[in-house]
Amino acid sequence: MDTLPILRNFFNDDLFEIDLENFFNPVIKEACKVNLKEKEKEFELVASTPGINKENLAIEYKNGFLTIKGETKCDTKKDTDKYIYREIKCSNFNRSFKVDEDTIDIENIKSTYIDGVLKIILPKKNPEKKKSKTILIE
């Protein structure tokens, strides 16, 4: 049984959409785990990016997608040590989330980065108050 369609339906949301093509990629999952929280006036997306310098992170909004990109740089000198086991590697990651422009105030998205934690604040647009109107029946 193919579970991708089931997961696609499970994560289907009009506001944010998970990039399911990379959902099971362990490098991406380990490099940038995220939490998304809804508050009264905003959404808060928190990404854990340990070991990545602020200068090696980028956030971009383009064509309805908010993308977080990161890169861990390695020392360029030739490594002559003999490792028995090595998990720390140079890598890049890219996480994208579909953002509903009718809900999020794109112009006022803000972010902070402290101690390996990237916090992105996505303010909600003020919903237009719906006017009440009585319709005359002719």
C-alpha atoms as a PDB file:
ATOM      1  CA  MET A   1       0.000   0.000   0.000  1.00  0.00           C
ATOM      2  CA  ASP A   2       1.389   3.409  -0.976  1.00  0.00           C
ATOM      3  CA  THR A   3       1.301   5.626   2.130  1.00  0.00           C
ATOM      4  CA  LEU A   4       2.299   8.881   0.391  1.00  0.00           C
ATOM      5  CA  PRO A   5      -1.297   9.723  -0.707  1.00  0.00           C
ATOM      6  CA  ILE A   6      -2.537   9.018   2.827  1.00  0.00           C
ATOM      7  CA  LEU A   7       0.144  11.312   4.284  1.00  0.00           C
ATOM      8  CA  ARG A   8      -0.559  13.904   1.611  1.00  0.00           C
ATOM      9  CA  ASN A   9      -4.219  13.960   2.738  1.00  0.00           C
ATOM     10  CA  PHE A  10      -3.250  13.926   6.423  1.00  0.00           C
ATOM     11  CA  PHE A  11      -0.969  16.946   6.029  1.00  0.00           C
ATOM     12  CA  ASN A  12      -3.236  18.735   3.565  1.00  0.00           C
ATOM     13  CA  ASP A  13      -3.954  22.172   4.963  1.00  0.00           C
ATOM     14  CA  ASP A  14      -5.079  25.320   3.212  1.00  0.00           C
ATOM     15  CA  LEU A  15      -2.536  27.428   5.092  1.00  0.00           C
ATOM     16  CA  PHE A  16       0.660  25.350   5.115  1.00  0.00           C
ATOM     17  CA  GLU A  17       1.616  22.420   2.964  1.00  0.00           C
ATOM     18  CA  ILE A  18       4.439  20.028   3.851  1.00  0.00           C
ATOM     19  CA  ASP A  19       6.894  19.157   1.084  1.00  0.00           C
ATOM     20  CA  LEU A  20       6.092  15.437   1.044  1.00  0.00           C
ATOM     21  CA  GLU A  21       8.595  14.677  -1.699  1.00  0.00           C
ATOM     22  CA  ASN A  22      11.339  15.323   0.903  1.00  0.00           C
ATOM     23  CA  PHE A  23       9.325  14.272   3.964  1.00  0.00           C
ATOM     24  CA  PHE A  24      11.195  10.998   4.416  1.00  0.00           C
ATOM     25  CA  ASN A  25      14.660  12.330   3.503  1.00  0.00           C
ATOM     26  CA  PRO A  26      16.659  11.754   6.730  1.00  0.00           C
ATOM     27  CA  VAL A  27      19.188  14.492   5.936  1.00  0.00           C
ATOM     28  CA  ILE A  28      16.435  17.106   5.672  1.00  0.00           C
ATOM     29  CA  LYS A  29      14.572  15.786   8.716  1.00  0.00           C
ATOM     30  CA  GLU A  30      17.690  15.931  10.887  1.00  0.00           C
ATOM     31  CA  ALA A  31      18.997  19.229   9.507  1.00  0.00           C
ATOM     32  CA  CYS A  32      15.854  21.291   9.993  1.00  0.00           C
ATOM     33  CA  LYS A  33      13.088  20.035  12.233  1.00  0.00           C
ATOM     34  CA  VAL A  34      10.199  22.464  12.577  1.00  0.00           C
ATOM     35  CA  ASN A  35       7.273  23.234  14.852  1.00  0.00           C
ATOM     36  CA  LEU A  36       4.353  25.367  13.742  1.00  0.00           C
ATOM     37  CA  LYS A  37       2.165  27.088  16.301  1.00  0.00           C
ATOM     38  CA  GLU A  38      -0.949  29.185  15.741  1.00  0.00           C
ATOM     39  CA  LYS A  39      -1.412  32.184  18.002  1.00  0.00           C
ATOM     40  CA  GLU A  40      -4.164  34.789  18.079  1.00  0.00           C
ATOM     41  CA  LYS A  41      -2.500  37.273  15.671  1.00  0.00           C
ATOM     42  CA  GLU A  42       0.240  35.202  14.051  1.00  0.00           C
ATOM     43  CA  PHE A  43       1.719  31.850  13.228  1.00  0.00           C
ATOM     44  CA  GLU A  44       5.093  30.963  14.704  1.00  0.00           C
ATOM     45  CA  LEU A  45       7.356  28.588  12.791  1.00  0.00           C
ATOM     46  CA  VAL A  46      10.360  27.422  14.822  1.00  0.00           C
ATOM     47  CA  ALA A  47      13.149  25.536  13.055  1.00  0.00           C
ATOM     48  CA  SER A  48      15.941  23.720  14.854  1.00  0.00           C
ATOM     49  CA  THR A  49      19.163  24.255  12.899  1.00  0.00           C
ATOM     50  CA  PRO A  50      22.007  23.187  15.193  1.00  0.00           C
ATOM     51  CA  GLY A  51      25.549  23.790  14.003  1.00  0.00           C
ATOM     52  CA  ILE A  52      24.550  26.247  11.282  1.00  0.00           C
ATOM     53  CA  ASN A  53      25.773  29.825  11.414  1.00  0.00           C
ATOM     54  CA  LYS A  54      23.305  32.652  10.813  1.00  0.00           C
ATOM     55  CA  GLU A  55      25.341  33.664   7.738  1.00  0.00           C
ATOM     56  CA  ASN A  56      24.661  30.243   6.202  1.00  0.00           C
ATOM     57  CA  LEU A  57      20.861  30.489   6.525  1.00  0.00           C
ATOM     58  CA  ALA A  58      18.417  32.085   4.109  1.00  0.00           C
ATOM     59  CA  ILE A  59      14.644  32.548   4.170  1.00  0.00           C
ATOM     60  CA  GLU A  60      12.800  33.352   0.974  1.00  0.00           C
ATOM     61  CA  TYR A  61       9.181  33.860   0.030  1.00  0.00           C
ATOM     62  CA  LYS A  62       8.476  33.245  -3.650  1.00  0.00           C
ATOM     63  CA  ASN A  63       5.467  32.058  -5.666  1.00  0.00           C
ATOM     64  CA  GLY A  64       3.414  31.135  -2.607  1.00  0.00           C
ATOM     65  CA  PHE A  65       6.193  29.210  -0.823  1.00  0.00           C
ATOM     66  CA  LEU A  66       8.254  30.117   2.225  1.00  0.00           C
ATOM     67  CA  THR A  67      11.625  28.377   1.908  1.00  0.00           C
ATOM     68  CA  ILE A  68      14.315  27.929   4.539  1.00  0.00           C
ATOM     69  CA  LYS A  69      17.775  27.087   3.184  1.00  0.00           C
ATOM     70  CA  GLY A  70      20.843  26.213   5.185  1.00  0.00           C
ATOM     71  CA  GLU A  71      24.363  24.974   4.729  1.00  0.00           C
ATOM     72  CA  THR A  72      26.923  23.491   7.074  1.00  0.00           C
ATOM     73  CA  LYS A  73      30.417  24.367   5.941  1.00  0.00           C
ATOM     74  CA  CYS A  74      33.366  22.101   6.531  1.00  0.00           C
ATOM     75  CA  ASP A  75      36.973  22.939   7.017  1.00  0.00           C
ATOM     76  CA  THR A  76      38.564  22.971   3.573  1.00  0.00           C
ATOM     77  CA  LYS A  77      41.970  21.742   4.731  1.00  0.00           C
ATOM     78  CA  LYS A  78      42.786  18.173   3.843  1.00  0.00           C
ATOM     79  CA  ASP A  79      41.771  15.827   6.649  1.00  0.00           C
ATOM     80  CA  THR A  80      44.381  13.137   7.177  1.00  0.00           C
ATOM     81  CA  ASP A  81      42.933  11.734  10.401  1.00  0.00           C
ATOM     82  CA  LYS A  82      41.616   8.187  10.355  1.00  0.00           C
ATOM     83  CA  TYR A  83      38.089   8.172  11.654  1.00  0.00           C
ATOM     84  CA  ILE A  84      36.568   5.056  13.152  1.00  0.00           C
ATOM     85  CA  TYR A  85      33.086   6.505  12.858  1.00  0.00           C
ATOM     86  CA  ARG A  86      31.944   9.823  11.427  1.00  0.00           C
ATOM     87  CA  GLU A  87      28.421  11.298  11.572  1.00  0.00           C
ATOM     88  CA  ILE A  88      29.172  15.018  11.294  1.00  0.00           C
ATOM     89  CA  LYS A  89      29.091  15.929   7.632  1.00  0.00           C
ATOM     90  CA  CYS A  90      28.863  18.982   5.420  1.00  0.00           C
ATOM     91  CA  SER A  91      25.387  19.284   4.007  1.00  0.00           C
ATOM     92  CA  ASN A  92      22.723  21.581   2.642  1.00  0.00           C
ATOM     93  CA  PHE A  93      19.035  21.536   3.399  1.00  0.00           C
ATOM     94  CA  ASN A  94      15.988  23.160   1.909  1.00  0.00           C
ATOM     95  CA  ARG A  95      12.519  23.159   3.536  1.00  0.00           C
ATOM     96  CA  SER A  96       9.536  24.716   1.767  1.00  0.00           C
ATOM     97  CA  PHE A  97       6.056  25.450   3.043  1.00  0.00           C
ATOM     98  CA  LYS A  98       3.099  26.605   0.967  1.00  0.00           C
ATOM     99  CA  VAL A  99       1.722  29.819   2.446  1.00  0.00           C
ATOM    100  CA  ASP A 100      -1.780  31.167   1.890  1.00  0.00           C
ATOM    101  CA  GLU A 101      -1.392  34.826   0.867  1.00  0.00           C
ATOM    102  CA  ASP A 102      -5.019  35.498   1.814  1.00  0.00           C
ATOM    103  CA  THR A 103      -4.258  34.576   5.432  1.00  0.00           C
ATOM    104  CA  ILE A 104      -0.638  35.686   5.973  1.00  0.00           C
ATOM    105  CA  ASP A 105       0.645  39.276   5.770  1.00  0.00           C
ATOM    106  CA  ILE A 106       3.633  38.459   3.549  1.00  0.00           C
ATOM    107  CA  GLU A 107       5.147  41.959   3.791  1.00  0.00           C
ATOM    108  CA  ASN A 108       5.519  41.739   7.567  1.00  0.00           C
ATOM    109  CA  ILE A 109       7.107  38.292   8.032  1.00  0.00           C
ATOM    110  CA  LYS A 110       9.960  38.560  10.544  1.00  0.00           C
ATOM    111  CA  SER A 111      12.616  36.167  11.811  1.00  0.00           C
ATOM    112  CA  THR A 112      15.184  35.801  14.573  1.00  0.00           C
ATOM    113  CA  TYR A 113      18.033  33.344  15.043  1.00  0.00           C
ATOM    114  CA  ILE A 114      19.418  32.527  18.484  1.00  0.00           C
ATOM    115  CA  ASP A 115      21.576  29.532  19.481  1.00  0.00           C
ATOM    116  CA  GLY A 116      20.627  27.306  16.549  1.00  0.00           C
ATOM    117  CA  VAL A 117      16.907  28.092  16.690  1.00  0.00           C
ATOM    118  CA  LEU A 118      15.334  30.002  13.813  1.00  0.00           C
ATOM    119  CA  LYS A 119      11.990  31.602  14.667  1.00  0.00           C
ATOM    120  CA  ILE A 120       9.811  32.953  11.854  1.00  0.00           C
ATOM    121  CA  ILE A 121       6.760  35.043  12.712  1.00  0.00           C
ATOM    122  CA  LEU A 122       4.033  35.007  10.063  1.00  0.00           C
ATOM    123  CA  PRO A 123       1.461  37.660  10.996  1.00  0.00           C
ATOM    124  CA  LYS A 124      -2.159  37.011  10.116  1.00  0.00           C
ATOM    125  CA  LYS A 125      -3.944  39.487   7.889  1.00  0.00           C
ATOM    126  CA  ASN A 126      -6.758  41.338   9.556  1.00  0.00           C
ATOM    127  CA  PRO A 127      -9.904  39.683   8.267  1.00  0.00           C
ATOM    128  CA  GLU A 128     -12.272  42.107   6.670  1.00  0.00           C
ATOM    129  CA  LYS A 129     -15.391  42.465   8.725  1.00  0.00           C
ATOM    130  CA  LYS A 130     -18.310  41.083   6.803  1.00  0.00           C
ATOM    131  CA  LYS A 131     -21.062  43.587   6.510  1.00  0.00           C
ATOM    132  CA  SER A 132     -24.562  42.496   7.231  1.00  0.00           C
ATOM    133  CA  LYS A 133     -27.153  43.294   4.603  1.00  0.00           C
ATOM    134  CA  THR A 134     -30.816  42.518   4.314  1.00  0.00           C
ATOM    135  CA  ILE A 135     -31.788  41.468   0.805  1.00  0.00           C
ATOM    136  CA  LEU A 136     -35.070  42.723  -0.477  1.00  0.00           C
ATOM    137  CA  ILE A 137     -37.245  40.007  -1.985  1.00  0.00           C
ATOM    138  CA  GLU A 138     -39.047  41.208  -5.106  1.00  0.00           C
END
